[in-house]
């Protein structure tokens, strides 16, 4: 792979942003903490409650918001955006660690297919760092060289691994929630925290051996 890999996010440098159902950021070679979850890992009733809570949070900060919480988020101060992100990220991670849904990835065959998919273009399209495959979600540290890859590669992993898992485990239907969550790593302390979080996630969630797959990076991050 040409160019540097494993850089920390530089807020003074050039970066791209785009929106789907949530905002996404990319900066060339910057390390990203990426979470992909299974489609049934968070019940619709919980998502609807979070939607109402996001609107309530914004209104408490004096933001005039109707139904578009993303537009309201942009009106928050940087400090309030950080509070918003911290609160709702923690809420999401706690719910995922409850291991709701079918938990297809607890099957070692399925977890192995995801791991192979993640590693397939390592060193070519991206640099893969630490990752953990939990029963209903995946966390990884990764550095994409281009915004186009940051936008498209997670979908490629999900489509490929879903085909392989459905074929090898005789399951049918949608496997992944289509949009991942991503966060650019801003400093060395945060990188250390996220590496420890990935390593310790199975223990904190009470997941027994054989129902998760963890690999530490042998590269620069």
C-alpha atoms as a PDB file:
ATOM      1  CA  UNK A   1       0.000   0.000   0.000  1.00  0.00           C
ATOM      2  CA  UNK A   2       1.393   3.382  -0.975  1.00  0.00           C
ATOM      3  CA  UNK A   3       1.487   6.210   1.545  1.00  0.00           C
ATOM      4  CA  UNK A   4       1.326   6.330   5.306  1.00  0.00           C
ATOM      5  CA  UNK A   5      -1.054   4.169   7.302  1.00  0.00           C
ATOM      6  CA  UNK A   6      -2.230   4.428  10.842  1.00  0.00           C
ATOM      7  CA  UNK A   7      -2.262   8.204  11.253  1.00  0.00           C
ATOM      8  CA  UNK A   8      -4.267   9.993  13.931  1.00  0.00           C
ATOM      9  CA  UNK A   9      -7.034  12.319  12.773  1.00  0.00           C
ATOM     10  CA  UNK A  10      -5.807  15.867  12.136  1.00  0.00           C
ATOM     11  CA  UNK A  11      -8.702  18.336  12.566  1.00  0.00           C
ATOM     12  CA  UNK A  12      -6.659  20.970  10.697  1.00  0.00           C
ATOM     13  CA  UNK A  13      -6.150  18.708   7.692  1.00  0.00           C
ATOM     14  CA  UNK A  14      -8.463  17.983   4.778  1.00  0.00           C
ATOM     15  CA  UNK A  15     -11.234  15.479   5.392  1.00  0.00           C
ATOM     16  CA  UNK A  16     -14.464  14.344   3.750  1.00  0.00           C
ATOM     17  CA  UNK A  17     -17.914  14.021   5.295  1.00  0.00           C
ATOM     18  CA  UNK A  18     -21.107  12.425   4.036  1.00  0.00           C
ATOM     19  CA  UNK A  19     -24.480  11.432   5.424  1.00  0.00           C
ATOM     20  CA  UNK A  20     -26.669   8.378   5.096  1.00  0.00           C
ATOM     21  CA  UNK A  21     -28.744   7.734   8.196  1.00  0.00           C
ATOM     22  CA  UNK A  22     -25.851   9.136  10.254  1.00  0.00           C
ATOM     23  CA  UNK A  23     -22.811  11.346   9.555  1.00  0.00           C
ATOM     24  CA  UNK A  24     -19.524   9.770   8.403  1.00  0.00           C
ATOM     25  CA  UNK A  25     -16.025  11.251   8.284  1.00  0.00           C
ATOM     26  CA  UNK A  26     -12.871  10.203   6.455  1.00  0.00           C
ATOM     27  CA  UNK A  27      -9.315  11.497   6.270  1.00  0.00           C
ATOM     28  CA  UNK A  28      -6.700   9.681   4.156  1.00  0.00           C
ATOM     29  CA  UNK A  29      -4.748   7.159   6.266  1.00  0.00           C
ATOM     30  CA  UNK A  30      -6.515   8.194   9.488  1.00  0.00           C
ATOM     31  CA  UNK A  31      -7.346   5.337  11.863  1.00  0.00           C
ATOM     32  CA  UNK A  32     -11.052   4.613  12.101  1.00  0.00           C
ATOM     33  CA  UNK A  33     -12.903   2.692  14.815  1.00  0.00           C
ATOM     34  CA  UNK A  34     -15.582   0.850  12.845  1.00  0.00           C
ATOM     35  CA  UNK A  35     -18.588  -1.075  14.162  1.00  0.00           C
ATOM     36  CA  UNK A  36     -20.784  -3.324  12.033  1.00  0.00           C
ATOM     37  CA  UNK A  37     -23.833  -4.973  13.579  1.00  0.00           C
ATOM     38  CA  UNK A  38     -26.255  -7.703  12.588  1.00  0.00           C
ATOM     39  CA  UNK A  39     -29.658  -6.633  11.340  1.00  0.00           C
ATOM     40  CA  UNK A  40     -31.555  -8.059  14.331  1.00  0.00           C
ATOM     41  CA  UNK A  41     -29.085  -6.922  17.019  1.00  0.00           C
ATOM     42  CA  UNK A  42     -31.123  -3.875  18.103  1.00  0.00           C
ATOM     43  CA  UNK A  43     -34.944  -4.189  18.219  1.00  0.00           C
ATOM     44  CA  UNK A  44     -37.025  -1.627  16.332  1.00  0.00           C
ATOM     45  CA  UNK A  45     -38.679  -0.534  19.588  1.00  0.00           C
ATOM     46  CA  UNK A  46     -35.266   0.385  21.032  1.00  0.00           C
ATOM     47  CA  UNK A  47     -34.298   2.361  17.923  1.00  0.00           C
ATOM     48  CA  UNK A  48     -37.583   4.270  18.097  1.00  0.00           C
ATOM     49  CA  UNK A  49     -36.931   5.101  21.758  1.00  0.00           C
ATOM     50  CA  UNK A  50     -33.427   6.338  20.920  1.00  0.00           C
ATOM     51  CA  UNK A  51     -34.882   8.540  18.194  1.00  0.00           C
ATOM     52  CA  UNK A  52     -37.182  10.218  20.733  1.00  0.00           C
ATOM     53  CA  UNK A  53     -34.324  10.566  23.224  1.00  0.00           C
ATOM     54  CA  UNK A  54     -32.123  12.252  20.609  1.00  0.00           C
ATOM     55  CA  UNK A  55     -34.848  14.801  19.924  1.00  0.00           C
ATOM     56  CA  UNK A  56     -35.316  15.362  23.669  1.00  0.00           C
ATOM     57  CA  UNK A  57     -31.563  15.897  24.134  1.00  0.00           C
ATOM     58  CA  UNK A  58     -31.500  18.530  21.388  1.00  0.00           C
ATOM     59  CA  UNK A  59     -34.540  20.346  22.747  1.00  0.00           C
ATOM     60  CA  UNK A  60     -32.987  20.489  26.222  1.00  0.00           C
ATOM     61  CA  UNK A  61     -30.043  22.310  24.641  1.00  0.00           C
ATOM     62  CA  UNK A  62     -32.427  24.868  23.159  1.00  0.00           C
ATOM     63  CA  UNK A  63     -32.228  23.508  19.608  1.00  0.00           C
ATOM     64  CA  UNK A  64     -35.426  23.982  17.608  1.00  0.00           C
ATOM     65  CA  UNK A  65     -35.904  20.572  16.005  1.00  0.00           C
ATOM     66  CA  UNK A  66     -38.865  18.830  14.399  1.00  0.00           C
ATOM     67  CA  UNK A  67     -38.084  15.258  13.257  1.00  0.00           C
ATOM     68  CA  UNK A  68     -34.589  15.649  11.795  1.00  0.00           C
ATOM     69  CA  UNK A  69     -32.205  15.119  14.710  1.00  0.00           C
ATOM     70  CA  UNK A  70     -29.175  15.153  12.366  1.00  0.00           C
ATOM     71  CA  UNK A  71     -29.903  18.738  11.321  1.00  0.00           C
ATOM     72  CA  UNK A  72     -30.349  19.678  14.964  1.00  0.00           C
ATOM     73  CA  UNK A  73     -27.063  18.006  15.878  1.00  0.00           C
ATOM     74  CA  UNK A  74     -25.200  20.359  13.534  1.00  0.00           C
ATOM     75  CA  UNK A  75     -26.509  23.318  15.562  1.00  0.00           C
ATOM     76  CA  UNK A  76     -24.979  22.057  18.815  1.00  0.00           C
ATOM     77  CA  UNK A  77     -21.764  23.463  20.219  1.00  0.00           C
ATOM     78  CA  UNK A  78     -18.696  21.234  19.897  1.00  0.00           C
ATOM     79  CA  UNK A  79     -18.907  20.454  23.616  1.00  0.00           C
ATOM     80  CA  UNK A  80     -22.562  19.422  23.349  1.00  0.00           C
ATOM     81  CA  UNK A  81     -21.844  17.339  20.239  1.00  0.00           C
ATOM     82  CA  UNK A  82     -19.203  15.459  22.225  1.00  0.00           C
ATOM     83  CA  UNK A  83     -21.676  14.902  25.081  1.00  0.00           C
ATOM     84  CA  UNK A  84     -24.294  13.709  22.588  1.00  0.00           C
ATOM     85  CA  UNK A  85     -21.836  11.317  20.910  1.00  0.00           C
ATOM     86  CA  UNK A  86     -20.560   9.907  24.195  1.00  0.00           C
ATOM     87  CA  UNK A  87     -24.034   9.295  25.607  1.00  0.00           C
ATOM     88  CA  UNK A  88     -25.566   7.640  22.567  1.00  0.00           C
ATOM     89  CA  UNK A  89     -22.424   5.680  21.661  1.00  0.00           C
ATOM     90  CA  UNK A  90     -22.354   4.186  25.156  1.00  0.00           C
ATOM     91  CA  UNK A  91     -26.060   3.410  24.871  1.00  0.00           C
ATOM     92  CA  UNK A  92     -25.531   1.608  21.557  1.00  0.00           C
ATOM     93  CA  UNK A  93     -22.542  -0.410  22.780  1.00  0.00           C
ATOM     94  CA  UNK A  94     -24.349  -1.493  25.955  1.00  0.00           C
ATOM     95  CA  UNK A  95     -27.297  -2.709  23.906  1.00  0.00           C
ATOM     96  CA  UNK A  96     -25.067  -4.609  21.478  1.00  0.00           C
ATOM     97  CA  UNK A  97     -23.276  -6.294  24.372  1.00  0.00           C
ATOM     98  CA  UNK A  98     -26.620  -7.662  25.577  1.00  0.00           C
ATOM     99  CA  UNK A  99     -26.326  -9.992  22.550  1.00  0.00           C
ATOM    100  CA  UNK A 100     -29.894  -9.660  21.334  1.00  0.00           C
ATOM    101  CA  UNK A 101     -31.125 -11.329  18.164  1.00  0.00           C
ATOM    102  CA  UNK A 102     -30.019 -14.514  16.441  1.00  0.00           C
ATOM    103  CA  UNK A 103     -26.313 -13.937  17.281  1.00  0.00           C
ATOM    104  CA  UNK A 104     -25.185 -15.721  14.125  1.00  0.00           C
ATOM    105  CA  UNK A 105     -21.549 -14.726  14.636  1.00  0.00           C
ATOM    106  CA  UNK A 106     -21.297 -16.837  17.800  1.00  0.00           C
ATOM    107  CA  UNK A 107     -20.945 -19.737  15.362  1.00  0.00           C
ATOM    108  CA  UNK A 108     -17.171 -20.144  14.767  1.00  0.00           C
ATOM    109  CA  UNK A 109     -17.822 -20.906  11.096  1.00  0.00           C
ATOM    110  CA  UNK A 110     -19.608 -17.578  10.654  1.00  0.00           C
ATOM    111  CA  UNK A 111     -16.990 -15.656  12.641  1.00  0.00           C
ATOM    112  CA  UNK A 112     -14.237 -17.185  10.519  1.00  0.00           C
ATOM    113  CA  UNK A 113     -15.954 -16.024   7.326  1.00  0.00           C
ATOM    114  CA  UNK A 114     -16.128 -12.459   8.664  1.00  0.00           C
ATOM    115  CA  UNK A 115     -12.455 -12.567   9.671  1.00  0.00           C
ATOM    116  CA  UNK A 116     -11.447 -13.775   6.204  1.00  0.00           C
ATOM    117  CA  UNK A 117     -13.519 -11.031   4.608  1.00  0.00           C
ATOM    118  CA  UNK A 118     -11.912  -8.331   6.777  1.00  0.00           C
ATOM    119  CA  UNK A 119      -8.405  -9.565   5.997  1.00  0.00           C
ATOM    120  CA  UNK A 120      -8.905 -10.117   2.262  1.00  0.00           C
ATOM    121  CA  UNK A 121      -7.563  -6.740   1.067  1.00  0.00           C
ATOM    122  CA  UNK A 122      -5.412  -5.879   4.085  1.00  0.00           C
ATOM    123  CA  UNK A 123      -2.261  -4.119   2.900  1.00  0.00           C
ATOM    124  CA  UNK A 124      -3.837  -3.335  -0.471  1.00  0.00           C
ATOM    125  CA  UNK A 125      -7.059  -1.340  -0.108  1.00  0.00           C
ATOM    126  CA  UNK A 126      -6.680  -0.639   3.615  1.00  0.00           C
ATOM    127  CA  UNK A 127      -4.657  -1.461   6.720  1.00  0.00           C
ATOM    128  CA  UNK A 128      -6.494  -3.620   9.253  1.00  0.00           C
ATOM    129  CA  UNK A 129      -5.667  -3.259  12.935  1.00  0.00           C
ATOM    130  CA  UNK A 130      -7.144  -5.005  15.981  1.00  0.00           C
ATOM    131  CA  UNK A 131     -10.609  -6.506  15.642  1.00  0.00           C
ATOM    132  CA  UNK A 132     -13.125  -8.552  17.590  1.00  0.00           C
ATOM    133  CA  UNK A 133     -16.075 -10.480  16.199  1.00  0.00           C
ATOM    134  CA  UNK A 134     -18.799 -10.633  18.831  1.00  0.00           C
ATOM    135  CA  UNK A 135     -21.987 -12.747  18.540  1.00  0.00           C
ATOM    136  CA  UNK A 136     -23.980  -9.913  16.935  1.00  0.00           C
ATOM    137  CA  UNK A 137     -21.475  -7.200  16.003  1.00  0.00           C
ATOM    138  CA  UNK A 138     -17.901  -6.488  14.939  1.00  0.00           C
ATOM    139  CA  UNK A 139     -15.424  -3.832  16.090  1.00  0.00           C
ATOM    140  CA  UNK A 140     -12.230  -3.089  14.192  1.00  0.00           C
ATOM    141  CA  UNK A 141      -9.539  -0.457  13.821  1.00  0.00           C
ATOM    142  CA  UNK A 142      -8.829   0.283  10.184  1.00  0.00           C
ATOM    143  CA  UNK A 143      -7.143   2.854   7.958  1.00  0.00           C
ATOM    144  CA  UNK A 144      -8.615   3.534   4.506  1.00  0.00           C
ATOM    145  CA  UNK A 145      -6.535   5.382   1.947  1.00  0.00           C
ATOM    146  CA  UNK A 146      -9.467   6.996   0.112  1.00  0.00           C
ATOM    147  CA  UNK A 147     -12.954   8.230   0.930  1.00  0.00           C
ATOM    148  CA  UNK A 148     -14.376   6.015  -1.795  1.00  0.00           C
ATOM    149  CA  UNK A 149     -13.003   2.927  -0.061  1.00  0.00           C
ATOM    150  CA  UNK A 150     -14.278   4.166   3.303  1.00  0.00           C
ATOM    151  CA  UNK A 151     -17.742   4.482   1.752  1.00  0.00           C
ATOM    152  CA  UNK A 152     -17.837   1.195  -0.166  1.00  0.00           C
ATOM    153  CA  UNK A 153     -15.570  -1.370   1.502  1.00  0.00           C
ATOM    154  CA  UNK A 154     -17.730  -2.078   4.594  1.00  0.00           C
ATOM    155  CA  UNK A 155     -20.630  -2.903   2.282  1.00  0.00           C
ATOM    156  CA  UNK A 156     -18.342  -5.246   0.359  1.00  0.00           C
ATOM    157  CA  UNK A 157     -17.369  -7.070   3.553  1.00  0.00           C
ATOM    158  CA  UNK A 158     -20.991  -7.433   4.570  1.00  0.00           C
ATOM    159  CA  UNK A 159     -22.231  -8.677   1.192  1.00  0.00           C
ATOM    160  CA  UNK A 160     -19.412 -11.189   0.772  1.00  0.00           C
ATOM    161  CA  UNK A 161     -19.509 -12.531   4.332  1.00  0.00           C
ATOM    162  CA  UNK A 162     -23.323 -12.783   4.268  1.00  0.00           C
ATOM    163  CA  UNK A 163     -23.209 -14.954   1.139  1.00  0.00           C
ATOM    164  CA  UNK A 164     -20.530 -17.189   2.628  1.00  0.00           C
ATOM    165  CA  UNK A 165     -22.247 -17.489   6.013  1.00  0.00           C
ATOM    166  CA  UNK A 166     -25.676 -18.198   4.546  1.00  0.00           C
ATOM    167  CA  UNK A 167     -24.159 -20.860   2.310  1.00  0.00           C
ATOM    168  CA  UNK A 168     -22.060 -22.536   5.009  1.00  0.00           C
ATOM    169  CA  UNK A 169     -24.673 -22.457   7.797  1.00  0.00           C
ATOM    170  CA  UNK A 170     -27.842 -23.041   5.744  1.00  0.00           C
ATOM    171  CA  UNK A 171     -29.400 -19.771   6.863  1.00  0.00           C
ATOM    172  CA  UNK A 172     -31.408 -17.375   4.706  1.00  0.00           C
ATOM    173  CA  UNK A 173     -32.415 -13.738   4.857  1.00  0.00           C
ATOM    174  CA  UNK A 174     -30.721 -10.438   5.601  1.00  0.00           C
ATOM    175  CA  UNK A 175     -27.715 -10.736   7.905  1.00  0.00           C
ATOM    176  CA  UNK A 176     -26.212  -7.265   8.396  1.00  0.00           C
ATOM    177  CA  UNK A 177     -27.631  -3.869   9.237  1.00  0.00           C
ATOM    178  CA  UNK A 178     -26.526  -1.989   6.098  1.00  0.00           C
ATOM    179  CA  UNK A 179     -24.792   1.030   7.624  1.00  0.00           C
ATOM    180  CA  UNK A 180     -21.784   0.811   9.963  1.00  0.00           C
ATOM    181  CA  UNK A 181     -20.816   3.263  12.682  1.00  0.00           C
ATOM    182  CA  UNK A 182     -17.394   4.902  12.359  1.00  0.00           C
ATOM    183  CA  UNK A 183     -15.271   7.223  14.468  1.00  0.00           C
ATOM    184  CA  UNK A 184     -11.902   8.758  13.540  1.00  0.00           C
ATOM    185  CA  UNK A 185      -9.267   8.271  16.245  1.00  0.00           C
ATOM    186  CA  UNK A 186      -8.073  11.657  17.471  1.00  0.00           C
ATOM    187  CA  UNK A 187      -5.134  10.979  19.804  1.00  0.00           C
ATOM    188  CA  UNK A 188      -2.850   8.264  21.167  1.00  0.00           C
ATOM    189  CA  UNK A 189      -4.809   7.969  24.414  1.00  0.00           C
ATOM    190  CA  UNK A 190      -8.018   7.293  22.509  1.00  0.00           C
ATOM    191  CA  UNK A 191      -6.254   4.711  20.352  1.00  0.00           C
ATOM    192  CA  UNK A 192      -5.017   2.885  23.461  1.00  0.00           C
ATOM    193  CA  UNK A 193      -8.516   3.020  24.948  1.00  0.00           C
ATOM    194  CA  UNK A 194     -10.086   1.566  21.791  1.00  0.00           C
ATOM    195  CA  UNK A 195      -7.505  -1.217  21.494  1.00  0.00           C
ATOM    196  CA  UNK A 196      -8.216  -2.178  25.096  1.00  0.00           C
ATOM    197  CA  UNK A 197     -11.956  -1.896  24.479  1.00  0.00           C
ATOM    198  CA  UNK A 198     -11.744  -4.294  21.529  1.00  0.00           C
ATOM    199  CA  UNK A 199      -9.601  -6.750  23.499  1.00  0.00           C
ATOM    200  CA  UNK A 200     -11.788  -6.642  26.615  1.00  0.00           C
ATOM    201  CA  UNK A 201     -15.211  -6.490  24.945  1.00  0.00           C
ATOM    202  CA  UNK A 202     -15.937 -10.247  25.186  1.00  0.00           C
ATOM    203  CA  UNK A 203     -15.054 -10.392  28.891  1.00  0.00           C
ATOM    204  CA  UNK A 204     -17.082  -7.277  29.748  1.00  0.00           C
ATOM    205  CA  UNK A 205     -20.076  -8.657  27.846  1.00  0.00           C
ATOM    206  CA  UNK A 206     -19.756 -12.072  29.504  1.00  0.00           C
ATOM    207  CA  UNK A 207     -19.134 -13.937  26.241  1.00  0.00           C
ATOM    208  CA  UNK A 208     -17.628 -17.383  26.713  1.00  0.00           C
ATOM    209  CA  UNK A 209     -14.640 -18.710  24.783  1.00  0.00           C
ATOM    210  CA  UNK A 210     -15.532 -20.078  21.372  1.00  0.00           C
ATOM    211  CA  UNK A 211     -18.309 -17.540  20.810  1.00  0.00           C
ATOM    212  CA  UNK A 212     -16.102 -14.624  19.791  1.00  0.00           C
ATOM    213  CA  UNK A 213     -12.992 -14.119  17.679  1.00  0.00           C
ATOM    214  CA  UNK A 214     -10.315 -11.583  18.649  1.00  0.00           C
ATOM    215  CA  UNK A 215      -7.131 -10.734  16.791  1.00  0.00           C
ATOM    216  CA  UNK A 216      -4.535  -8.134  17.708  1.00  0.00           C
ATOM    217  CA  UNK A 217      -2.692  -6.261  14.990  1.00  0.00           C
ATOM    218  CA  UNK A 218       0.921  -7.058  14.196  1.00  0.00           C
ATOM    219  CA  UNK A 219       1.206  -3.754  12.327  1.00  0.00           C
ATOM    220  CA  UNK A 220       1.609  -0.087  13.230  1.00  0.00           C
ATOM    221  CA  UNK A 221      -1.701   0.134  15.097  1.00  0.00           C
END
